[in-house]
Each structure stands twice: as C-alpha cells, then as structure tokens.
C-alpha cells in the first residue's frame, strides 16, 4: 500500500481539534501514514520591526519577549495536537511539527500549500472554522481558500 502523508493545519480552535480527531481515526493502525502538523506564525507587528535611534534597544527587548511568548503558545498548540493524534490511535512518531512563518497573513494558504509541497504531503486537512484570524484578513472562509488554491492536493475540510 502507498505511503500517505497528510498536512494538518492546526490552531487553538475546536474545529482544528475536530480535524485532528478525524485524521487520527482515519490513520489509526495504518503504519504507512505520516502526519505533518502546520501552525502559522505571524511575523511581529510593524511597530516592532520599524524603529529608530534611542528606541532601538527598548523595542528589540519588547520584540524578543513578543516572539518568545508566541513560540511558547505555538509549542503548546503542537503538543496538544500530538496528544489528540496519539489518543485517537495514531502511532507515536507518526507526526512531525512544522511552522509556517508568515509575513502577510493573507498569504497563509499559499505558504501552507508550499509547505505541503516541500514536505511531500498528498493531502491537506483543515477544520472548517480553523484559522478564524485568517478569515478576517482575507474576507474569505480559509477552508474555501485552500480548496480554491489547492491544485494538485487532496483537500479535506472537516466540518
């Protein structure tokens, strides 16, 4: 049987948890299934990047704290996603975590699909209400945007 690699877009939403449980159920007991977890990290706000003169040291320290707090949140999200997958029956070690660093949140679908291509994933999985922050940026349903742009991939939208 062919090896299958799924990229699951994760965030803190209940829709993301539902998608993870669905993937775990579909992959349980199948040794040929690998899962890549993708979590988007937004770049720091412009006010943390654009600084001048005497503000430089103070803003650099603030930026460092902002990034550290964000990384801790993302790490907890990915650890929770791994627990959901293992609880659902996915074998230990079958999942790997990846970050998508986004300069512009509206490019999230393209960046995540690019990660799927790089990681050689066949399928991209997203919860219907996942990435609600992205929907606000692009004025679209993020899942619909993945379907629209996901040429060459199987897209699972979990309701």
N, C-alpha and C. Protein backbone atom coordinates (compact mmCIF):
# COMPACT_ATOMS: atom_id res chain seq x y z
N UNK A 1 0.83 -1.19 0.00
CA UNK A 1 0.00 0.00 0.00
C UNK A 1 0.88 1.25 0.00
N UNK A 2 0.47 2.27 -0.72
CA UNK A 2 1.20 3.52 -0.87
C UNK A 2 1.34 4.27 0.46
N UNK A 3 2.52 4.89 0.64
CA UNK A 3 2.70 5.76 1.80
C UNK A 3 1.86 7.01 1.60
N UNK A 4 1.25 7.48 2.68
CA UNK A 4 0.40 8.66 2.63
C UNK A 4 0.94 9.67 3.63
N UNK A 5 1.03 10.91 3.18
CA UNK A 5 1.49 11.97 4.06
C UNK A 5 0.44 13.07 4.06
N UNK A 6 -0.07 13.38 5.25
CA UNK A 6 -1.11 14.39 5.42
C UNK A 6 -0.51 15.61 6.10
N UNK A 7 -0.89 16.79 5.63
CA UNK A 7 -0.52 18.02 6.32
C UNK A 7 -1.80 18.54 6.99
N UNK A 8 -1.78 18.65 8.31
CA UNK A 8 -2.94 19.11 9.06
C UNK A 8 -2.65 20.51 9.58
N UNK A 9 -3.50 21.46 9.21
CA UNK A 9 -3.37 22.83 9.66
C UNK A 9 -3.98 22.91 11.06
N UNK A 10 -3.16 23.31 12.04
CA UNK A 10 -3.63 23.34 13.42
C UNK A 10 -3.57 24.74 14.00
N UNK A 11 -4.52 25.00 14.87
CA UNK A 11 -4.52 26.20 15.69
C UNK A 11 -5.21 25.83 16.99
N UNK A 12 -5.68 26.81 17.75
CA UNK A 12 -6.28 26.54 19.06
C UNK A 12 -7.78 26.32 18.99
N UNK A 13 -8.36 26.28 17.81
CA UNK A 13 -9.81 26.24 17.67
C UNK A 13 -10.39 24.83 17.84
N UNK A 14 -11.66 24.75 18.25
CA UNK A 14 -12.34 23.46 18.32
C UNK A 14 -12.39 22.77 16.95
N UNK A 15 -12.49 23.55 15.87
CA UNK A 15 -12.52 22.96 14.53
C UNK A 15 -11.20 22.25 14.22
N UNK A 16 -10.11 22.80 14.69
CA UNK A 16 -8.81 22.17 14.50
C UNK A 16 -8.74 20.85 15.26
N UNK A 17 -9.25 20.84 16.48
CA UNK A 17 -9.28 19.61 17.28
C UNK A 17 -10.13 18.55 16.58
N UNK A 18 -11.25 18.96 16.03
CA UNK A 18 -12.12 18.03 15.32
C UNK A 18 -11.40 17.44 14.10
N UNK A 19 -10.67 18.28 13.38
CA UNK A 19 -9.91 17.79 12.22
C UNK A 19 -8.83 16.80 12.66
N UNK A 20 -8.15 17.10 13.77
CA UNK A 20 -7.12 16.19 14.29
C UNK A 20 -7.72 14.83 14.68
N UNK A 21 -8.87 14.86 15.34
CA UNK A 21 -9.53 13.61 15.73
C UNK A 21 -9.93 12.80 14.51
N UNK A 22 -10.40 13.48 13.47
CA UNK A 22 -10.78 12.80 12.23
C UNK A 22 -9.56 12.14 11.59
N UNK A 23 -8.45 12.87 11.52
CA UNK A 23 -7.23 12.31 10.95
C UNK A 23 -6.75 11.11 11.76
N UNK A 24 -6.77 11.23 13.08
CA UNK A 24 -6.34 10.12 13.94
C UNK A 24 -7.20 8.89 13.69
N UNK A 25 -8.49 9.09 13.57
CA UNK A 25 -9.41 7.97 13.33
C UNK A 25 -9.11 7.31 11.97
N UNK A 26 -8.88 8.12 10.95
CA UNK A 26 -8.61 7.59 9.62
C UNK A 26 -7.25 6.90 9.54
N UNK A 27 -6.28 7.37 10.33
CA UNK A 27 -4.92 6.86 10.25
C UNK A 27 -4.60 5.79 11.28
N UNK A 28 -5.48 5.59 12.25
CA UNK A 28 -5.22 4.65 13.34
C UNK A 28 -4.88 3.26 12.78
N UNK A 29 -3.77 2.72 13.25
CA UNK A 29 -3.38 1.37 12.88
C UNK A 29 -2.78 1.25 11.48
N UNK A 30 -2.61 2.34 10.80
CA UNK A 30 -2.03 2.30 9.45
C UNK A 30 -0.56 2.75 9.53
N UNK A 31 0.37 1.82 9.37
CA UNK A 31 1.78 2.17 9.52
C UNK A 31 2.33 3.04 8.38
N UNK A 32 1.61 3.12 7.29
CA UNK A 32 2.10 3.87 6.13
C UNK A 32 1.63 5.33 6.10
N UNK A 33 1.01 5.80 7.19
CA UNK A 33 0.51 7.17 7.25
C UNK A 33 1.43 8.03 8.11
N UNK A 34 1.83 9.17 7.55
CA UNK A 34 2.61 10.17 8.29
C UNK A 34 1.79 11.46 8.31
N UNK A 35 1.93 12.21 9.38
CA UNK A 35 1.18 13.45 9.54
C UNK A 35 2.16 14.59 9.81
N UNK A 36 2.03 15.66 9.04
CA UNK A 36 2.76 16.90 9.29
C UNK A 36 1.78 17.89 9.89
N UNK A 37 2.15 18.46 11.00
CA UNK A 37 1.32 19.48 11.63
C UNK A 37 1.86 20.84 11.22
N UNK A 38 1.00 21.69 10.69
CA UNK A 38 1.43 23.03 10.27
C UNK A 38 0.73 24.07 11.13
N UNK A 39 1.50 24.92 11.73
CA UNK A 39 0.96 26.00 12.54
C UNK A 39 1.58 27.29 12.04
N UNK A 40 0.76 28.28 11.75
CA UNK A 40 1.24 29.54 11.20
C UNK A 40 1.71 30.49 12.30
N UNK A 41 2.88 31.02 12.10
CA UNK A 41 3.41 32.05 13.00
C UNK A 41 3.43 33.36 12.24
N UNK A 42 2.67 34.30 12.72
CA UNK A 42 2.69 35.62 12.08
C UNK A 42 3.96 36.36 12.46
N UNK A 43 4.46 37.15 11.55
CA UNK A 43 5.62 37.99 11.83
C UNK A 43 5.24 39.05 12.87
N UNK A 44 6.23 39.59 13.54
CA UNK A 44 5.95 40.63 14.53
C UNK A 44 5.21 41.81 13.89
N UNK A 45 4.41 42.52 14.68
CA UNK A 45 3.72 43.70 14.15
C UNK A 45 4.73 44.72 13.64
N UNK A 46 4.33 45.54 12.66
CA UNK A 46 5.26 46.51 12.06
C UNK A 46 5.94 47.42 13.08
N UNK A 47 5.22 47.79 14.13
CA UNK A 47 5.82 48.70 15.10
C UNK A 47 7.01 48.05 15.83
N UNK A 48 7.13 46.71 15.76
CA UNK A 48 8.28 46.05 16.38
C UNK A 48 9.43 45.89 15.41
N UNK A 49 9.19 46.12 14.16
CA UNK A 49 10.22 45.98 13.14
C UNK A 49 10.80 47.34 12.76
N UNK A 50 9.94 48.33 12.72
CA UNK A 50 10.35 49.67 12.29
C UNK A 50 10.66 50.53 13.52
N UNK A 51 11.93 50.68 13.80
CA UNK A 51 12.31 51.51 14.93
C UNK A 51 13.55 52.31 14.56
N UNK A 52 13.81 53.36 15.34
CA UNK A 52 14.94 54.21 15.04
C UNK A 52 15.59 54.72 16.33
N UNK A 53 16.84 55.06 16.22
CA UNK A 53 17.58 55.74 17.27
C UNK A 53 17.51 55.12 18.64
N UNK A 54 17.17 55.96 19.64
CA UNK A 54 17.21 55.56 21.04
C UNK A 54 16.17 54.51 21.39
N UNK A 55 15.13 54.38 20.57
CA UNK A 55 14.09 53.37 20.83
C UNK A 55 14.59 51.96 20.53
N UNK A 56 15.68 51.86 19.81
CA UNK A 56 16.13 50.58 19.27
C UNK A 56 16.27 49.48 20.34
N UNK A 57 16.99 49.74 21.41
CA UNK A 57 17.23 48.72 22.44
C UNK A 57 15.93 48.32 23.14
N UNK A 58 15.09 49.31 23.46
CA UNK A 58 13.83 49.02 24.14
C UNK A 58 12.92 48.17 23.24
N UNK A 59 12.82 48.54 21.99
CA UNK A 59 11.96 47.80 21.07
C UNK A 59 12.51 46.41 20.76
N UNK A 60 13.82 46.29 20.72
CA UNK A 60 14.43 44.97 20.49
C UNK A 60 14.07 44.03 21.64
N UNK A 61 14.12 44.52 22.87
CA UNK A 61 13.76 43.70 24.03
C UNK A 61 12.28 43.33 23.98
N UNK A 62 11.42 44.28 23.62
CA UNK A 62 9.98 44.01 23.52
C UNK A 62 9.71 42.98 22.43
N UNK A 63 10.39 43.12 21.30
CA UNK A 63 10.22 42.18 20.19
C UNK A 63 10.64 40.78 20.63
N UNK A 64 11.74 40.68 21.34
CA UNK A 64 12.22 39.38 21.83
C UNK A 64 11.19 38.72 22.74
N UNK A 65 10.60 39.51 23.66
CA UNK A 65 9.56 38.97 24.55
C UNK A 65 8.33 38.54 23.75
N UNK A 66 7.95 39.32 22.74
CA UNK A 66 6.79 39.02 21.90
C UNK A 66 7.00 37.69 21.17
N UNK A 67 8.18 37.50 20.60
CA UNK A 67 8.49 36.27 19.87
C UNK A 67 8.51 35.08 20.83
N UNK A 68 9.12 35.24 22.00
CA UNK A 68 9.18 34.13 22.97
C UNK A 68 7.79 33.70 23.41
N UNK A 69 6.92 34.67 23.68
CA UNK A 69 5.55 34.34 24.08
C UNK A 69 4.82 33.62 22.95
N UNK A 70 5.01 34.08 21.73
CA UNK A 70 4.38 33.43 20.58
C UNK A 70 4.86 32.01 20.38
N UNK A 71 6.16 31.79 20.52
CA UNK A 71 6.71 30.46 20.35
C UNK A 71 6.20 29.50 21.43
N UNK A 72 6.04 30.00 22.65
CA UNK A 72 5.50 29.15 23.72
C UNK A 72 4.07 28.73 23.39
N UNK A 73 3.26 29.66 22.90
CA UNK A 73 1.88 29.35 22.52
C UNK A 73 1.86 28.31 21.41
N UNK A 74 2.69 28.51 20.38
CA UNK A 74 2.72 27.56 19.27
C UNK A 74 3.17 26.19 19.73
N UNK A 75 4.17 26.15 20.61
CA UNK A 75 4.65 24.86 21.11
C UNK A 75 3.54 24.12 21.85
N UNK A 76 2.78 24.84 22.68
CA UNK A 76 1.66 24.21 23.39
C UNK A 76 0.62 23.69 22.40
N UNK A 77 0.34 24.46 21.35
CA UNK A 77 -0.63 24.05 20.34
C UNK A 77 -0.18 22.76 19.66
N UNK A 78 1.09 22.68 19.30
CA UNK A 78 1.60 21.50 18.61
C UNK A 78 1.66 20.29 19.55
N UNK A 79 2.00 20.51 20.81
CA UNK A 79 2.00 19.42 21.78
C UNK A 79 0.58 18.88 21.98
N UNK A 80 -0.40 19.79 22.07
CA UNK A 80 -1.79 19.38 22.21
C UNK A 80 -2.23 18.59 20.98
N UNK A 81 -1.84 19.05 19.80
CA UNK A 81 -2.20 18.35 18.56
C UNK A 81 -1.63 16.94 18.55
N UNK A 82 -0.40 16.79 18.98
CA UNK A 82 0.21 15.45 19.05
C UNK A 82 -0.54 14.56 20.03
N UNK A 83 -0.96 15.11 21.18
CA UNK A 83 -1.73 14.32 22.15
C UNK A 83 -3.05 13.86 21.55
N UNK A 84 -3.74 14.75 20.86
CA UNK A 84 -5.02 14.40 20.23
C UNK A 84 -4.81 13.26 19.23
N UNK A 85 -3.77 13.36 18.43
CA UNK A 85 -3.49 12.31 17.44
C UNK A 85 -3.17 10.97 18.10
N UNK A 86 -2.32 10.98 19.12
CA UNK A 86 -1.96 9.73 19.80
C UNK A 86 -3.15 9.13 20.53
N UNK A 87 -3.94 9.98 21.19
CA UNK A 87 -5.15 9.50 21.88
C UNK A 87 -6.11 8.86 20.89
N UNK A 88 -6.16 9.42 19.68
CA UNK A 88 -7.05 8.89 18.65
C UNK A 88 -6.53 7.65 17.95
N UNK A 89 -5.32 7.22 18.26
CA UNK A 89 -4.82 5.97 17.70
C UNK A 89 -3.66 6.09 16.74
N UNK A 90 -3.19 7.30 16.44
CA UNK A 90 -2.04 7.43 15.56
C UNK A 90 -0.80 6.99 16.31
N UNK A 91 0.01 6.19 15.68
CA UNK A 91 1.18 5.65 16.38
C UNK A 91 2.18 6.75 16.71
N UNK A 92 2.89 6.56 17.81
CA UNK A 92 3.89 7.52 18.27
C UNK A 92 4.96 7.67 17.18
N UNK A 93 5.37 8.90 16.94
CA UNK A 93 6.39 9.17 15.95
C UNK A 93 5.86 9.34 14.53
N UNK A 94 4.56 9.19 14.34
CA UNK A 94 3.98 9.32 13.00
C UNK A 94 3.69 10.78 12.65
N UNK A 95 3.83 11.68 13.62
CA UNK A 95 3.53 13.09 13.38
C UNK A 95 4.79 13.92 13.57
N UNK A 96 4.92 14.95 12.76
CA UNK A 96 6.03 15.89 12.88
C UNK A 96 5.46 17.30 12.79
N UNK A 97 6.09 18.23 13.50
CA UNK A 97 5.58 19.60 13.56
C UNK A 97 6.40 20.53 12.68
N UNK A 98 5.71 21.45 12.04
CA UNK A 98 6.36 22.45 11.20
C UNK A 98 5.67 23.79 11.40
N UNK A 99 6.43 24.85 11.30
CA UNK A 99 5.88 26.19 11.38
C UNK A 99 5.91 26.81 10.00
N UNK A 100 4.91 27.61 9.72
CA UNK A 100 4.91 28.46 8.52
C UNK A 100 5.07 29.88 9.03
N UNK A 101 6.17 30.51 8.72
CA UNK A 101 6.36 31.89 9.12
C UNK A 101 5.73 32.80 8.07
N UNK A 102 4.81 33.60 8.48
CA UNK A 102 4.04 34.42 7.56
C UNK A 102 4.34 35.89 7.76
N UNK A 103 4.77 36.54 6.71
CA UNK A 103 4.97 37.98 6.76
C UNK A 103 3.62 38.65 6.59
N UNK A 104 2.80 38.07 5.76
CA UNK A 104 1.49 38.63 5.43
C UNK A 104 0.47 37.52 5.63
N UNK A 105 -0.41 37.67 6.61
CA UNK A 105 -1.39 36.64 6.92
C UNK A 105 -2.27 36.27 5.74
N UNK A 106 -2.48 37.20 4.82
CA UNK A 106 -3.34 36.89 3.68
C UNK A 106 -2.69 35.88 2.74
N UNK A 107 -1.39 35.65 2.89
CA UNK A 107 -0.69 34.66 2.06
C UNK A 107 -0.64 33.29 2.74
N UNK A 108 -1.33 33.13 3.85
CA UNK A 108 -1.27 31.87 4.61
C UNK A 108 -1.60 30.65 3.76
N UNK A 109 -2.68 30.66 2.98
CA UNK A 109 -2.96 29.45 2.18
C UNK A 109 -1.80 29.09 1.25
N UNK A 110 -1.22 30.08 0.56
CA UNK A 110 -0.11 29.80 -0.34
C UNK A 110 1.10 29.25 0.42
N UNK A 111 1.40 29.85 1.57
CA UNK A 111 2.56 29.41 2.35
C UNK A 111 2.36 28.00 2.91
N UNK A 112 1.16 27.71 3.37
CA UNK A 112 0.88 26.39 3.91
C UNK A 112 0.90 25.34 2.79
N UNK A 113 0.35 25.67 1.63
CA UNK A 113 0.40 24.75 0.49
C UNK A 113 1.84 24.56 0.01
N UNK A 114 2.64 25.61 0.10
CA UNK A 114 4.06 25.49 -0.26
C UNK A 114 4.75 24.52 0.71
N UNK A 115 4.44 24.62 2.00
CA UNK A 115 5.00 23.69 2.98
C UNK A 115 4.56 22.26 2.66
N UNK A 116 3.30 22.08 2.28
CA UNK A 116 2.80 20.75 1.92
C UNK A 116 3.60 20.17 0.76
N UNK A 117 3.90 21.00 -0.21
CA UNK A 117 4.68 20.55 -1.37
C UNK A 117 6.11 20.19 -0.95
N UNK A 118 6.73 21.04 -0.14
CA UNK A 118 8.09 20.79 0.33
C UNK A 118 8.16 19.49 1.12
N UNK A 119 7.16 19.27 1.99
CA UNK A 119 7.14 18.07 2.85
C UNK A 119 6.58 16.85 2.12
N UNK A 120 6.24 17.01 0.84
CA UNK A 120 5.72 15.93 0.00
C UNK A 120 4.43 15.31 0.56
N UNK A 121 3.52 16.18 1.00
CA UNK A 121 2.23 15.75 1.51
C UNK A 121 1.24 15.61 0.35
N UNK A 122 0.43 14.56 0.41
CA UNK A 122 -0.58 14.32 -0.62
C UNK A 122 -1.86 15.08 -0.34
N UNK A 123 -2.14 15.24 0.95
CA UNK A 123 -3.43 15.75 1.40
C UNK A 123 -3.23 16.86 2.41
N UNK A 124 -4.06 17.89 2.33
CA UNK A 124 -4.06 18.98 3.31
C UNK A 124 -5.40 18.93 4.02
N UNK A 125 -5.36 18.96 5.35
CA UNK A 125 -6.57 18.86 6.17
C UNK A 125 -6.73 20.15 6.97
N UNK A 126 -7.94 20.71 6.93
CA UNK A 126 -8.23 21.92 7.69
C UNK A 126 -9.64 21.81 8.27
N UNK A 127 -9.81 22.26 9.50
CA UNK A 127 -11.14 22.35 10.09
C UNK A 127 -11.89 23.52 9.49
N UNK A 128 -13.19 23.38 9.30
CA UNK A 128 -13.99 24.43 8.64
C UNK A 128 -13.81 25.79 9.31
N UNK A 129 -13.81 25.84 10.63
CA UNK A 129 -13.73 27.14 11.32
C UNK A 129 -12.32 27.42 11.84
N UNK A 130 -11.33 26.64 11.39
CA UNK A 130 -9.95 26.90 11.80
C UNK A 130 -9.47 28.21 11.20
N UNK A 131 -8.45 28.75 11.79
CA UNK A 131 -7.80 29.96 11.31
C UNK A 131 -8.78 31.11 11.13
N UNK A 132 -9.63 31.31 12.12
CA UNK A 132 -10.62 32.40 12.02
C UNK A 132 -9.93 33.75 11.86
N UNK A 133 -8.74 33.92 12.43
CA UNK A 133 -7.99 35.16 12.25
C UNK A 133 -7.65 35.38 10.78
N UNK A 134 -7.40 34.28 10.06
CA UNK A 134 -7.08 34.40 8.65
C UNK A 134 -8.31 34.84 7.85
N UNK A 135 -9.46 34.31 8.20
CA UNK A 135 -10.69 34.69 7.52
C UNK A 135 -10.95 36.18 7.61
N UNK A 136 -10.61 36.76 8.76
CA UNK A 136 -10.79 38.21 8.93
C UNK A 136 -9.84 39.00 8.03
N UNK A 137 -8.65 38.46 7.82
CA UNK A 137 -7.67 39.15 6.97
C UNK A 137 -8.03 39.07 5.49
N UNK A 138 -8.53 37.92 5.06
CA UNK A 138 -8.76 37.74 3.62
C UNK A 138 -10.23 37.85 3.24
N UNK A 139 -11.10 38.09 4.21
CA UNK A 139 -12.54 38.21 3.95
C UNK A 139 -13.10 36.99 3.23
N UNK A 140 -12.56 35.84 3.54
CA UNK A 140 -13.00 34.59 2.93
C UNK A 140 -12.98 33.51 4.00
N UNK A 141 -13.65 32.42 3.72
CA UNK A 141 -13.54 31.23 4.55
C UNK A 141 -12.19 30.59 4.22
N UNK A 142 -11.27 30.48 5.20
CA UNK A 142 -9.95 29.91 4.90
C UNK A 142 -10.03 28.53 4.25
N UNK A 143 -10.97 27.70 4.67
CA UNK A 143 -11.09 26.37 4.07
C UNK A 143 -11.42 26.48 2.58
N UNK A 144 -12.30 27.38 2.22
CA UNK A 144 -12.64 27.59 0.81
C UNK A 144 -11.43 28.08 0.03
N UNK A 145 -10.63 28.91 0.66
CA UNK A 145 -9.43 29.42 0.00
C UNK A 145 -8.44 28.29 -0.26
N UNK A 146 -8.32 27.35 0.68
CA UNK A 146 -7.45 26.19 0.47
C UNK A 146 -7.97 25.34 -0.68
N UNK A 147 -9.27 25.13 -0.74
CA UNK A 147 -9.86 24.35 -1.83
C UNK A 147 -9.58 25.04 -3.16
N UNK A 148 -9.76 26.34 -3.19
CA UNK A 148 -9.55 27.10 -4.43
C UNK A 148 -8.10 27.06 -4.90
N UNK A 149 -7.16 27.16 -3.96
CA UNK A 149 -5.75 27.25 -4.33
C UNK A 149 -5.02 25.90 -4.30
N UNK A 150 -5.67 24.86 -3.84
CA UNK A 150 -5.00 23.59 -3.58
C UNK A 150 -4.84 22.66 -4.77
N UNK A 151 -4.64 23.20 -5.93
CA UNK A 151 -4.46 22.38 -7.13
C UNK A 151 -3.29 21.41 -6.92
N UNK A 152 -3.54 20.14 -7.21
CA UNK A 152 -2.52 19.12 -7.06
C UNK A 152 -2.54 18.41 -5.71
N UNK A 153 -3.40 18.88 -4.81
CA UNK A 153 -3.53 18.26 -3.48
C UNK A 153 -4.94 17.76 -3.29
N UNK A 154 -5.09 16.76 -2.46
CA UNK A 154 -6.41 16.41 -1.96
C UNK A 154 -6.63 17.29 -0.75
N UNK A 155 -7.77 17.96 -0.69
CA UNK A 155 -8.07 18.85 0.44
C UNK A 155 -9.24 18.25 1.22
N UNK A 156 -9.02 18.00 2.50
CA UNK A 156 -10.10 17.56 3.39
C UNK A 156 -10.51 18.75 4.24
N UNK A 157 -11.77 19.13 4.14
CA UNK A 157 -12.32 20.17 5.00
C UNK A 157 -13.23 19.45 5.99
N UNK A 158 -12.83 19.48 7.25
CA UNK A 158 -13.57 18.75 8.29
C UNK A 158 -14.57 19.70 8.93
N UNK A 159 -15.85 19.32 8.83
CA UNK A 159 -16.93 20.14 9.40
C UNK A 159 -17.05 19.89 10.88
